[in-house]
Amino acid sequence: MTGTIWIEESGIVGTPILITNTHSVGVVRDSVIAWMLQNGGTEQLWGLPIVAETWDGYLNDLNGFHVKREHVFAALDGAHGGAIAEGNVGGGTGMHLFEFKGGTGTSSRRVRVQGIADYTVGVLVQSNFGRRSQLQVAGIPIGRDWPDDAPFTRESGPVNELGSIIVVVATDAPLLPHQLKRIARRVSMGIARTGSVASNSSGDIFIAFSTANEGAALASGLPALKMLPNERITPFFEATVYAVEEAIINALVAAETMDGYAGHRAIELPEERLRAVLRTYNRLDE
């Protein structure tokens, strides 16, 4: 994930956050700067865009460098509020998840801080990890109900060992950088609830930011910042953990079977079969 050193140093996210495939980080990073210059410039005299990646080399011709500047501009120009597309979209197009088709997933939670206000915790994931046998949904070992036929296996080993996940957590709660770092650390707990063990070579990278305290990046004056006390932060940890878990499952359910590069295929999770298993364990509220 590029740009993180400056976030550590300043506590400020000053550019859009983009997620792509592994070999497209460079072109996406450069294109973000070009887009920012075209749309009013950067906050400083320079820009350090935040660009993260996961590996899609099973379904995508990774070395074909198919992501171009115009794709980045289209993504930025098309950004909007409201519902976010999930599954085989954007950077999630070529991803796999627990040896099913994976991709982009979202989820959110409302947190009520008594006597202060209600806040939202939103999560976006680009999921690309896991063995079939590890998959858990609602605490149920779902993956055991599907033969571990390792559909991605090749001579050099199972491709899914190269899996990764990028998670972005956003909130409107007034949390300071050290508190947001604590939020980001809880992301791994949500991932673990789906069965992940963060295998060797898995890139599990997270970022959390707050849209509160809009004047925090002012270059002069004395910004007046608000923060929730640490004693009120635990519900935000809980919201993050459960939203991350749900976002991963949403990515799995939303993704559709895809035929990709060199005849490779990733199949979608059979949703009705998933429902049947959950119903057996009384985990489905219908």
C-alpha atoms as a PDB file:
ATOM      1  CA  MET A   1       0.000   0.000   0.000  1.00  0.00           C
ATOM      2  CA  THR A   2       1.706   3.167  -1.192  1.00  0.00           C
ATOM      3  CA  GLY A   3       1.534   6.462   0.676  1.00  0.00           C
ATOM      4  CA  THR A   4       1.406   4.922   4.133  1.00  0.00           C
ATOM      5  CA  ILE A   5       4.649   6.458   5.409  1.00  0.00           C
ATOM      6  CA  TRP A   6       3.158   9.938   5.084  1.00  0.00           C
ATOM      7  CA  ILE A   7      -0.014   8.803   6.842  1.00  0.00           C
ATOM      8  CA  GLU A   8       2.099   7.521   9.717  1.00  0.00           C
ATOM      9  CA  GLU A   9       3.969  10.815   9.782  1.00  0.00           C
ATOM     10  CA  SER A  10       1.057  13.240   9.410  1.00  0.00           C
ATOM     11  CA  GLY A  11      -2.061  11.345  10.435  1.00  0.00           C
ATOM     12  CA  ILE A  12      -3.807  12.754   7.350  1.00  0.00           C
ATOM     13  CA  VAL A  13      -5.281  10.995   4.295  1.00  0.00           C
ATOM     14  CA  GLY A  14      -4.917  13.581   1.546  1.00  0.00           C
ATOM     15  CA  THR A  15      -5.623  11.573  -1.615  1.00  0.00           C
ATOM     16  CA  PRO A  16      -8.196   9.090  -2.884  1.00  0.00           C
ATOM     17  CA  ILE A  17      -7.654   5.448  -1.931  1.00  0.00           C
ATOM     18  CA  LEU A  18      -7.502   3.024  -4.863  1.00  0.00           C
ATOM     19  CA  ILE A  19      -7.207  -0.765  -5.041  1.00  0.00           C
ATOM     20  CA  THR A  20      -5.973  -2.640  -8.107  1.00  0.00           C
ATOM     21  CA  ASN A  21      -4.010  -5.739  -9.066  1.00  0.00           C
ATOM     22  CA  THR A  22      -0.396  -6.336  -8.111  1.00  0.00           C
ATOM     23  CA  HIS A  23       1.355  -5.196 -11.286  1.00  0.00           C
ATOM     24  CA  SER A  24      -0.829  -2.119 -11.795  1.00  0.00           C
ATOM     25  CA  VAL A  25       0.115  -0.231  -8.632  1.00  0.00           C
ATOM     26  CA  GLY A  26       2.577   2.013 -10.471  1.00  0.00           C
ATOM     27  CA  VAL A  27       0.293   3.180 -13.254  1.00  0.00           C
ATOM     28  CA  VAL A  28      -2.592   3.686 -10.825  1.00  0.00           C
ATOM     29  CA  ARG A  29      -0.432   5.725  -8.463  1.00  0.00           C
ATOM     30  CA  ASP A  30       0.836   7.990 -11.237  1.00  0.00           C
ATOM     31  CA  SER A  31      -2.642   8.351 -12.706  1.00  0.00           C
ATOM     32  CA  VAL A  32      -4.077   9.485  -9.362  1.00  0.00           C
ATOM     33  CA  ILE A  33      -1.564  12.344  -9.259  1.00  0.00           C
ATOM     34  CA  ALA A  34      -2.449  13.312 -12.845  1.00  0.00           C
ATOM     35  CA  TRP A  35      -6.156  13.239 -11.987  1.00  0.00           C
ATOM     36  CA  MET A  36      -5.660  15.360  -8.877  1.00  0.00           C
ATOM     37  CA  LEU A  37      -3.644  17.944 -10.808  1.00  0.00           C
ATOM     38  CA  GLN A  38      -6.377  18.079 -13.416  1.00  0.00           C
ATOM     39  CA  ASN A  39      -9.026  18.557 -10.723  1.00  0.00           C
ATOM     40  CA  GLY A  40      -7.573  21.330  -8.608  1.00  0.00           C
ATOM     41  CA  GLY A  41      -4.186  20.086  -7.492  1.00  0.00           C
ATOM     42  CA  THR A  42      -2.900  18.331  -4.393  1.00  0.00           C
ATOM     43  CA  GLU A  43      -3.121  19.650  -0.855  1.00  0.00           C
ATOM     44  CA  GLN A  44       0.643  20.124  -0.763  1.00  0.00           C
ATOM     45  CA  LEU A  45       3.121  20.765  -3.551  1.00  0.00           C
ATOM     46  CA  TRP A  46       3.272  17.013  -4.004  1.00  0.00           C
ATOM     47  CA  GLY A  47       1.055  13.956  -3.710  1.00  0.00           C
ATOM     48  CA  LEU A  48       1.603  10.513  -2.234  1.00  0.00           C
ATOM     49  CA  PRO A  49      -1.430   8.505  -3.372  1.00  0.00           C
ATOM     50  CA  ILE A  50      -2.708   5.524  -1.427  1.00  0.00           C
ATOM     51  CA  VAL A  51      -2.807   2.546  -3.781  1.00  0.00           C
ATOM     52  CA  ALA A  52      -3.089  -1.077  -2.657  1.00  0.00           C
ATOM     53  CA  GLU A  53      -3.206  -4.393  -4.515  1.00  0.00           C
ATOM     54  CA  THR A  54      -4.063  -8.051  -4.473  1.00  0.00           C
ATOM     55  CA  TRP A  55      -2.887 -10.705  -6.945  1.00  0.00           C
ATOM     56  CA  ASP A  56      -5.204 -11.737  -9.793  1.00  0.00           C
ATOM     57  CA  GLY A  57      -2.728 -13.663 -11.922  1.00  0.00           C
ATOM     58  CA  TYR A  58      -4.887 -16.788 -12.155  1.00  0.00           C
ATOM     59  CA  LEU A  59      -7.774 -15.120 -13.993  1.00  0.00           C
ATOM     60  CA  ASN A  60      -5.947 -12.088 -15.397  1.00  0.00           C
ATOM     61  CA  ASP A  61      -2.996 -11.747 -17.759  1.00  0.00           C
ATOM     62  CA  LEU A  62      -1.114  -9.999 -14.962  1.00  0.00           C
ATOM     63  CA  ASN A  63       1.922  -9.142 -17.079  1.00  0.00           C
ATOM     64  CA  GLY A  64      -0.179  -7.680 -19.869  1.00  0.00           C
ATOM     65  CA  PHE A  65      -0.479  -4.338 -18.008  1.00  0.00           C
ATOM     66  CA  HIS A  66      -4.076  -3.849 -19.076  1.00  0.00           C
ATOM     67  CA  VAL A  67      -4.952  -1.193 -16.489  1.00  0.00           C
ATOM     68  CA  LYS A  68      -4.389   2.213 -18.108  1.00  0.00           C
ATOM     69  CA  ARG A  69      -4.669   5.844 -17.051  1.00  0.00           C
ATOM     70  CA  GLU A  70      -8.110   6.162 -18.618  1.00  0.00           C
ATOM     71  CA  HIS A  71      -9.423   3.371 -16.375  1.00  0.00           C
ATOM     72  CA  VAL A  72      -8.181   5.182 -13.282  1.00  0.00           C
ATOM     73  CA  PHE A  73      -9.716   8.468 -14.433  1.00  0.00           C
ATOM     74  CA  ALA A  74     -13.015   6.710 -15.133  1.00  0.00           C
ATOM     75  CA  ALA A  75     -13.038   5.172 -11.654  1.00  0.00           C
ATOM     76  CA  LEU A  76     -12.319   8.504  -9.962  1.00  0.00           C
ATOM     77  CA  ASP A  77     -14.766  10.467 -12.103  1.00  0.00           C
ATOM     78  CA  GLY A  78     -17.435   7.863 -11.459  1.00  0.00           C
ATOM     79  CA  ALA A  79     -17.075   7.798  -7.680  1.00  0.00           C
ATOM     80  CA  HIS A  80     -20.387   8.524  -5.936  1.00  0.00           C
ATOM     81  CA  GLY A  81     -22.292   8.106  -2.725  1.00  0.00           C
ATOM     82  CA  GLY A  82     -24.838   5.397  -2.078  1.00  0.00           C
ATOM     83  CA  ALA A  83     -24.648   1.690  -2.751  1.00  0.00           C
ATOM     84  CA  ILE A  84     -21.339   0.243  -3.935  1.00  0.00           C
ATOM     85  CA  ALA A  85     -21.107  -2.506  -6.536  1.00  0.00           C
ATOM     86  CA  GLU A  86     -19.789  -5.812  -5.206  1.00  0.00           C
ATOM     87  CA  GLY A  87     -18.289  -9.003  -6.582  1.00  0.00           C
ATOM     88  CA  ASN A  88     -16.584  -8.993  -9.989  1.00  0.00           C
ATOM     89  CA  VAL A  89     -16.035  -5.234 -10.163  1.00  0.00           C
ATOM     90  CA  GLY A  90     -13.073  -2.865 -10.212  1.00  0.00           C
ATOM     91  CA  GLY A  91      -9.932  -4.254  -8.671  1.00  0.00           C
ATOM     92  CA  GLY A  92     -11.957  -7.243  -7.484  1.00  0.00           C
ATOM     93  CA  THR A  93     -12.672  -8.448 -11.021  1.00  0.00           C
ATOM     94  CA  GLY A  94     -10.020 -11.163 -11.133  1.00  0.00           C
ATOM     95  CA  MET A  95      -9.928 -12.208  -7.482  1.00  0.00           C
ATOM     96  CA  HIS A  96     -10.731 -15.545  -5.841  1.00  0.00           C
ATOM     97  CA  LEU A  97     -11.866 -16.311  -2.292  1.00  0.00           C
ATOM     98  CA  PHE A  98     -11.758 -19.651  -0.480  1.00  0.00           C
ATOM     99  CA  GLU A  99     -11.305 -21.226  -3.920  1.00  0.00           C
ATOM    100  CA  PHE A 100     -14.544 -19.684  -5.153  1.00  0.00           C
ATOM    101  CA  LYS A 101     -14.810 -16.475  -7.159  1.00  0.00           C
ATOM    102  CA  GLY A 102     -14.062 -13.489  -4.922  1.00  0.00           C
ATOM    103  CA  GLY A 103     -13.741  -9.747  -5.316  1.00  0.00           C
ATOM    104  CA  THR A 104     -15.139  -6.569  -3.783  1.00  0.00           C
ATOM    105  CA  GLY A 105     -17.416  -6.534  -0.750  1.00  0.00           C
ATOM    106  CA  THR A 106     -18.861  -3.916   1.566  1.00  0.00           C
ATOM    107  CA  SER A 107     -20.700  -3.709   4.855  1.00  0.00           C
ATOM    108  CA  SER A 108     -21.457  -1.148   7.552  1.00  0.00           C
ATOM    109  CA  ARG A 109     -22.668  -0.817  11.128  1.00  0.00           C
ATOM    110  CA  ARG A 110     -24.310   1.940  13.140  1.00  0.00           C
ATOM    111  CA  VAL A 111     -22.781   2.736  16.520  1.00  0.00           C
ATOM    112  CA  ARG A 112     -24.770   4.653  19.123  1.00  0.00           C
ATOM    113  CA  VAL A 113     -22.683   6.538  21.640  1.00  0.00           C
ATOM    114  CA  GLN A 114     -25.113   7.250  24.439  1.00  0.00           C
ATOM    115  CA  GLY A 115     -25.554  10.924  25.131  1.00  0.00           C
ATOM    116  CA  ILE A 116     -23.451  12.021  22.137  1.00  0.00           C
ATOM    117  CA  ALA A 117     -24.547  10.810  18.681  1.00  0.00           C
ATOM    118  CA  ASP A 118     -24.991   7.895  16.275  1.00  0.00           C
ATOM    119  CA  TYR A 119     -22.083   7.122  13.968  1.00  0.00           C
ATOM    120  CA  THR A 120     -21.394   4.804  11.027  1.00  0.00           C
ATOM    121  CA  VAL A 121     -18.521   2.392  10.445  1.00  0.00           C
ATOM    122  CA  GLY A 122     -18.209   1.396   6.781  1.00  0.00           C
ATOM    123  CA  VAL A 123     -15.932  -1.305   5.371  1.00  0.00           C
ATOM    124  CA  LEU A 124     -14.768  -2.111   1.853  1.00  0.00           C
ATOM    125  CA  VAL A 125     -12.712  -5.216   1.120  1.00  0.00           C
ATOM    126  CA  GLN A 126     -10.886  -6.589  -1.885  1.00  0.00           C
ATOM    127  CA  SER A 127     -10.827 -10.274  -0.941  1.00  0.00           C
ATOM    128  CA  ASN A 128      -8.468 -12.757  -2.540  1.00  0.00           C
ATOM    129  CA  PHE A 129      -7.458 -15.501  -0.115  1.00  0.00           C
ATOM    130  CA  GLY A 130      -8.231 -18.796   1.559  1.00  0.00           C
ATOM    131  CA  ARG A 131      -8.552 -22.534   1.047  1.00  0.00           C
ATOM    132  CA  ARG A 132     -11.973 -24.072   0.510  1.00  0.00           C
ATOM    133  CA  SER A 133     -11.766 -26.126   3.702  1.00  0.00           C
ATOM    134  CA  GLN A 134     -11.178 -23.011   5.833  1.00  0.00           C
ATOM    135  CA  LEU A 135     -14.377 -21.160   4.925  1.00  0.00           C
ATOM    136  CA  GLN A 136     -16.681 -20.313   7.817  1.00  0.00           C
ATOM    137  CA  VAL A 137     -19.981 -18.433   7.616  1.00  0.00           C
ATOM    138  CA  ALA A 138     -21.829 -17.397  10.785  1.00  0.00           C
ATOM    139  CA  GLY A 139     -19.442 -19.612  12.737  1.00  0.00           C
ATOM    140  CA  ILE A 140     -20.305 -22.700  10.676  1.00  0.00           C
ATOM    141  CA  PRO A 141     -17.510 -24.617   8.874  1.00  0.00           C
ATOM    142  CA  ILE A 142     -19.181 -24.247   5.494  1.00  0.00           C
ATOM    143  CA  GLY A 143     -16.099 -25.249   3.513  1.00  0.00           C
ATOM    144  CA  ARG A 144     -16.248 -28.792   4.829  1.00  0.00           C
ATOM    145  CA  ASP A 145     -19.493 -29.317   2.932  1.00  0.00           C
ATOM    146  CA  TRP A 146     -17.710 -28.809  -0.372  1.00  0.00           C
ATOM    147  CA  PRO A 147     -14.979 -31.249  -1.456  1.00  0.00           C
ATOM    148  CA  ASP A 148     -11.593 -29.598  -1.171  1.00  0.00           C
ATOM    149  CA  ASP A 149     -10.903 -30.226  -4.848  1.00  0.00           C
ATOM    150  CA  ALA A 150      -8.453 -27.289  -5.016  1.00  0.00           C
ATOM    151  CA  PRO A 151      -9.696 -25.993  -8.383  1.00  0.00           C
ATOM    152  CA  PHE A 152      -6.773 -23.594  -8.670  1.00  0.00           C
ATOM    153  CA  THR A 153      -4.033 -26.184  -8.092  1.00  0.00           C
ATOM    154  CA  ARG A 154      -1.151 -26.185 -10.527  1.00  0.00           C
ATOM    155  CA  GLU A 155       2.226 -27.910 -10.566  1.00  0.00           C
ATOM    156  CA  SER A 156       3.884 -25.223  -8.456  1.00  0.00           C
ATOM    157  CA  GLY A 157       1.196 -25.488  -5.779  1.00  0.00           C
ATOM    158  CA  PRO A 158      -2.221 -24.046  -5.008  1.00  0.00           C
ATOM    159  CA  VAL A 159      -2.632 -20.552  -6.397  1.00  0.00           C
ATOM    160  CA  ASN A 160      -4.801 -19.514  -3.466  1.00  0.00           C
ATOM    161  CA  GLU A 161      -1.717 -19.575  -1.217  1.00  0.00           C
ATOM    162  CA  LEU A 162      -0.824 -16.298  -2.947  1.00  0.00           C
ATOM    163  CA  GLY A 163      -4.049 -14.704  -1.744  1.00  0.00           C
ATOM    164  CA  SER A 164      -4.346 -11.390   0.037  1.00  0.00           C
ATOM    165  CA  ILE A 165      -6.912  -8.902   1.273  1.00  0.00           C
ATOM    166  CA  ILE A 166      -7.068  -5.126   1.393  1.00  0.00           C
ATOM    167  CA  VAL A 167      -9.517  -3.563   3.855  1.00  0.00           C
ATOM    168  CA  VAL A 168     -10.553   0.088   4.056  1.00  0.00           C
ATOM    169  CA  VAL A 169     -12.494   1.209   7.131  1.00  0.00           C
ATOM    170  CA  ALA A 170     -14.217   4.599   7.109  1.00  0.00           C
ATOM    171  CA  THR A 171     -16.157   6.302   9.891  1.00  0.00           C
ATOM    172  CA  ASP A 172     -17.732   9.658  10.618  1.00  0.00           C
ATOM    173  CA  ALA A 173     -16.920   9.314  14.306  1.00  0.00           C
ATOM    174  CA  PRO A 174     -14.377  11.855  15.605  1.00  0.00           C
ATOM    175  CA  LEU A 175     -11.434   9.531  16.169  1.00  0.00           C
ATOM    176  CA  LEU A 176      -7.807  10.625  16.144  1.00  0.00           C
ATOM    177  CA  PRO A 177      -5.022   8.829  14.223  1.00  0.00           C
ATOM    178  CA  HIS A 178      -3.897   6.669  17.152  1.00  0.00           C
ATOM    179  CA  GLN A 179      -7.501   5.549  17.696  1.00  0.00           C
ATOM    180  CA  LEU A 180      -7.943   4.787  14.003  1.00  0.00           C
ATOM    181  CA  LYS A 181      -4.823   2.656  14.093  1.00  0.00           C
ATOM    182  CA  ARG A 182      -6.463   0.684  16.905  1.00  0.00           C
ATOM    183  CA  ILE A 183      -9.550   0.268  14.703  1.00  0.00           C
ATOM    184  CA  ALA A 184      -7.391  -1.021  11.823  1.00  0.00           C
ATOM    185  CA  ARG A 185      -5.781  -3.627  14.083  1.00  0.00           C
ATOM    186  CA  ARG A 186      -9.214  -5.159  14.735  1.00  0.00           C
ATOM    187  CA  VAL A 187      -9.721  -5.869  11.039  1.00  0.00           C
ATOM    188  CA  SER A 188      -7.714  -9.092  11.310  1.00  0.00           C
ATOM    189  CA  MET A 189     -10.249 -10.407  13.830  1.00  0.00           C
ATOM    190  CA  GLY A 190     -13.049  -9.997  11.313  1.00  0.00           C
ATOM    191  CA  ILE A 191     -11.020 -11.785   8.651  1.00  0.00           C
ATOM    192  CA  ALA A 192     -10.264 -14.636  11.068  1.00  0.00           C
ATOM    193  CA  ARG A 193     -14.002 -15.105  11.690  1.00  0.00           C
ATOM    194  CA  THR A 194     -14.320 -16.232   8.057  1.00  0.00           C
ATOM    195  CA  GLY A 195     -11.654 -18.904   8.560  1.00  0.00           C
ATOM    196  CA  SER A 196      -8.523 -17.167   7.284  1.00  0.00           C
ATOM    197  CA  VAL A 197      -5.146 -17.929   8.834  1.00  0.00           C
ATOM    198  CA  ALA A 198      -3.189 -15.316   6.832  1.00  0.00           C
ATOM    199  CA  SER A 199      -1.039 -17.848   4.990  1.00  0.00           C
ATOM    200  CA  ASN A 200       2.541 -17.342   3.888  1.00  0.00           C
ATOM    201  CA  SER A 201       2.817 -14.636   1.200  1.00  0.00           C
ATOM    202  CA  SER A 202      -0.676 -13.365   1.992  1.00  0.00           C
ATOM    203  CA  GLY A 203      -0.673  -9.559   1.981  1.00  0.00           C
ATOM    204  CA  ASP A 204      -3.235  -8.489   4.589  1.00  0.00           C
ATOM    205  CA  ILE A 205      -3.124  -4.681   4.675  1.00  0.00           C
ATOM    206  CA  PHE A 206      -5.634  -2.329   6.301  1.00  0.00           C
ATOM    207  CA  ILE A 207      -6.300   1.377   6.596  1.00  0.00           C
ATOM    208  CA  ALA A 208      -8.879   3.251   8.690  1.00  0.00           C
ATOM    209  CA  PHE A 209      -9.817   6.916   8.403  1.00  0.00           C
ATOM    210  CA  SER A 210     -12.360   9.358   9.798  1.00  0.00           C
ATOM    211  CA  THR A 211     -14.253  12.055   7.901  1.00  0.00           C
ATOM    212  CA  ALA A 212     -14.732  14.086  11.087  1.00  0.00           C
ATOM    213  CA  ASN A 213     -12.467  17.002  12.061  1.00  0.00           C
ATOM    214  CA  GLU A 214     -12.411  18.460   8.567  1.00  0.00           C
ATOM    215  CA  GLY A 215     -10.061  21.259   9.657  1.00  0.00           C
ATOM    216  CA  ALA A 216      -7.355  18.903  10.906  1.00  0.00           C
ATOM    217  CA  ALA A 217      -5.237  19.379   7.773  1.00  0.00           C
ATOM    218  CA  LEU A 218      -5.214  23.197   7.873  1.00  0.00           C
ATOM    219  CA  ALA A 219      -1.744  24.615   7.280  1.00  0.00           C
ATOM    220  CA  SER A 220      -2.152  27.510   9.708  1.00  0.00           C
ATOM    221  CA  GLY A 221      -4.062  28.535  12.771  1.00  0.00           C
ATOM    222  CA  LEU A 222      -5.018  26.310  15.664  1.00  0.00           C
ATOM    223  CA  PRO A 223      -7.489  23.624  14.542  1.00  0.00           C
ATOM    224  CA  ALA A 224     -10.117  22.704  17.118  1.00  0.00           C
ATOM    225  CA  LEU A 225     -10.376  18.917  17.105  1.00  0.00           C
ATOM    226  CA  LYS A 226     -12.955  16.660  18.689  1.00  0.00           C
ATOM    227  CA  MET A 227     -12.404  13.074  19.763  1.00  0.00           C
ATOM    228  CA  LEU A 228     -14.355  10.328  21.421  1.00  0.00           C
ATOM    229  CA  PRO A 229     -12.732   9.206  24.665  1.00  0.00           C
ATOM    230  CA  ASN A 230     -11.008   5.842  24.578  1.00  0.00           C
ATOM    231  CA  GLU A 231     -13.582   4.505  27.028  1.00  0.00           C
ATOM    232  CA  ARG A 232     -16.206   4.842  24.264  1.00  0.00           C
ATOM    233  CA  ILE A 233     -14.240   3.128  21.490  1.00  0.00           C
ATOM    234  CA  THR A 234     -14.972  -0.561  22.153  1.00  0.00           C
ATOM    235  CA  PRO A 235     -18.299  -0.542  20.231  1.00  0.00           C
ATOM    236  CA  PHE A 236     -16.344   0.691  17.205  1.00  0.00           C
ATOM    237  CA  PHE A 237     -13.998  -2.277  17.532  1.00  0.00           C
ATOM    238  CA  GLU A 238     -17.020  -4.583  17.549  1.00  0.00           C
ATOM    239  CA  ALA A 239     -18.596  -2.827  14.575  1.00  0.00           C
ATOM    240  CA  THR A 240     -15.348  -3.139  12.610  1.00  0.00           C
ATOM    241  CA  VAL A 241     -14.927  -6.844  13.321  1.00  0.00           C
ATOM    242  CA  TYR A 242     -18.467  -7.771  12.284  1.00  0.00           C
ATOM    243  CA  ALA A 243     -18.555  -5.435   9.278  1.00  0.00           C
ATOM    244  CA  VAL A 244     -15.293  -6.892   7.958  1.00  0.00           C
ATOM    245  CA  GLU A 245     -16.632 -10.428   8.348  1.00  0.00           C
ATOM    246  CA  GLU A 246     -19.846  -9.538   6.533  1.00  0.00           C
ATOM    247  CA  ALA A 247     -18.063  -7.608   3.767  1.00  0.00           C
ATOM    248  CA  ILE A 248     -15.967 -10.680   2.955  1.00  0.00           C
ATOM    249  CA  ILE A 249     -19.035 -12.916   2.810  1.00  0.00           C
ATOM    250  CA  ASN A 250     -20.819 -10.293   0.693  1.00  0.00           C
ATOM    251  CA  ALA A 251     -17.907 -10.347  -1.769  1.00  0.00           C
ATOM    252  CA  LEU A 252     -18.212 -14.119  -1.928  1.00  0.00           C
ATOM    253  CA  VAL A 253     -21.987 -14.148  -2.451  1.00  0.00           C
ATOM    254  CA  ALA A 254     -21.981 -11.280  -4.972  1.00  0.00           C
ATOM    255  CA  ALA A 255     -19.221 -12.719  -7.166  1.00  0.00           C
ATOM    256  CA  GLU A 256     -20.158 -14.646 -10.299  1.00  0.00           C
ATOM    257  CA  THR A 257     -18.407 -17.472 -12.122  1.00  0.00           C
ATOM    258  CA  MET A 258     -15.680 -16.102 -14.370  1.00  0.00           C
ATOM    259  CA  ASP A 259     -13.668 -17.577 -17.210  1.00  0.00           C
ATOM    260  CA  GLY A 260     -10.367 -15.798 -17.444  1.00  0.00           C
ATOM    261  CA  TYR A 261      -6.842 -15.873 -18.796  1.00  0.00           C
ATOM    262  CA  ALA A 262      -5.493 -19.082 -20.344  1.00  0.00           C
ATOM    263  CA  GLY A 263      -8.792 -20.915 -19.884  1.00  0.00           C
ATOM    264  CA  HIS A 264      -8.755 -20.577 -16.105  1.00  0.00           C
ATOM    265  CA  ARG A 265     -12.096 -20.517 -14.312  1.00  0.00           C
ATOM    266  CA  ALA A 266     -13.264 -19.486 -10.856  1.00  0.00           C
ATOM    267  CA  ILE A 267     -16.740 -20.664  -9.902  1.00  0.00           C
ATOM    268  CA  GLU A 268     -19.211 -18.691  -7.831  1.00  0.00           C
ATOM    269  CA  LEU A 269     -20.373 -19.881  -4.441  1.00  0.00           C
ATOM    270  CA  PRO A 270     -23.719 -21.701  -4.922  1.00  0.00           C
ATOM    271  CA  GLU A 271     -25.889 -19.392  -2.801  1.00  0.00           C
ATOM    272  CA  GLU A 272     -28.839 -21.750  -2.422  1.00  0.00           C
ATOM    273  CA  ARG A 273     -26.548 -24.496  -1.219  1.00  0.00           C
ATOM    274  CA  LEU A 274     -25.035 -22.052   1.266  1.00  0.00           C
ATOM    275  CA  ARG A 275     -28.514 -21.184   2.511  1.00  0.00           C
ATOM    276  CA  ALA A 276     -29.344 -24.853   2.911  1.00  0.00           C
ATOM    277  CA  VAL A 277     -26.297 -25.456   5.087  1.00  0.00           C
ATOM    278  CA  LEU A 278     -26.978 -22.371   7.211  1.00  0.00           C
ATOM    279  CA  ARG A 279     -30.599 -23.453   7.596  1.00  0.00           C
ATOM    280  CA  THR A 280     -29.436 -26.824   8.913  1.00  0.00           C
ATOM    281  CA  TYR A 281     -27.523 -25.045  11.674  1.00  0.00           C
ATOM    282  CA  ASN A 282     -30.385 -22.599  12.389  1.00  0.00           C
ATOM    283  CA  ARG A 283     -28.217 -19.706  11.282  1.00  0.00           C
ATOM    284  CA  LEU A 284     -30.566 -18.342   8.628  1.00  0.00           C
ATOM    285  CA  ASP A 285     -33.172 -15.749   9.548  1.00  0.00           C
ATOM    286  CA  GLU A 286     -35.799 -15.981   6.796  1.00  0.00           C
END
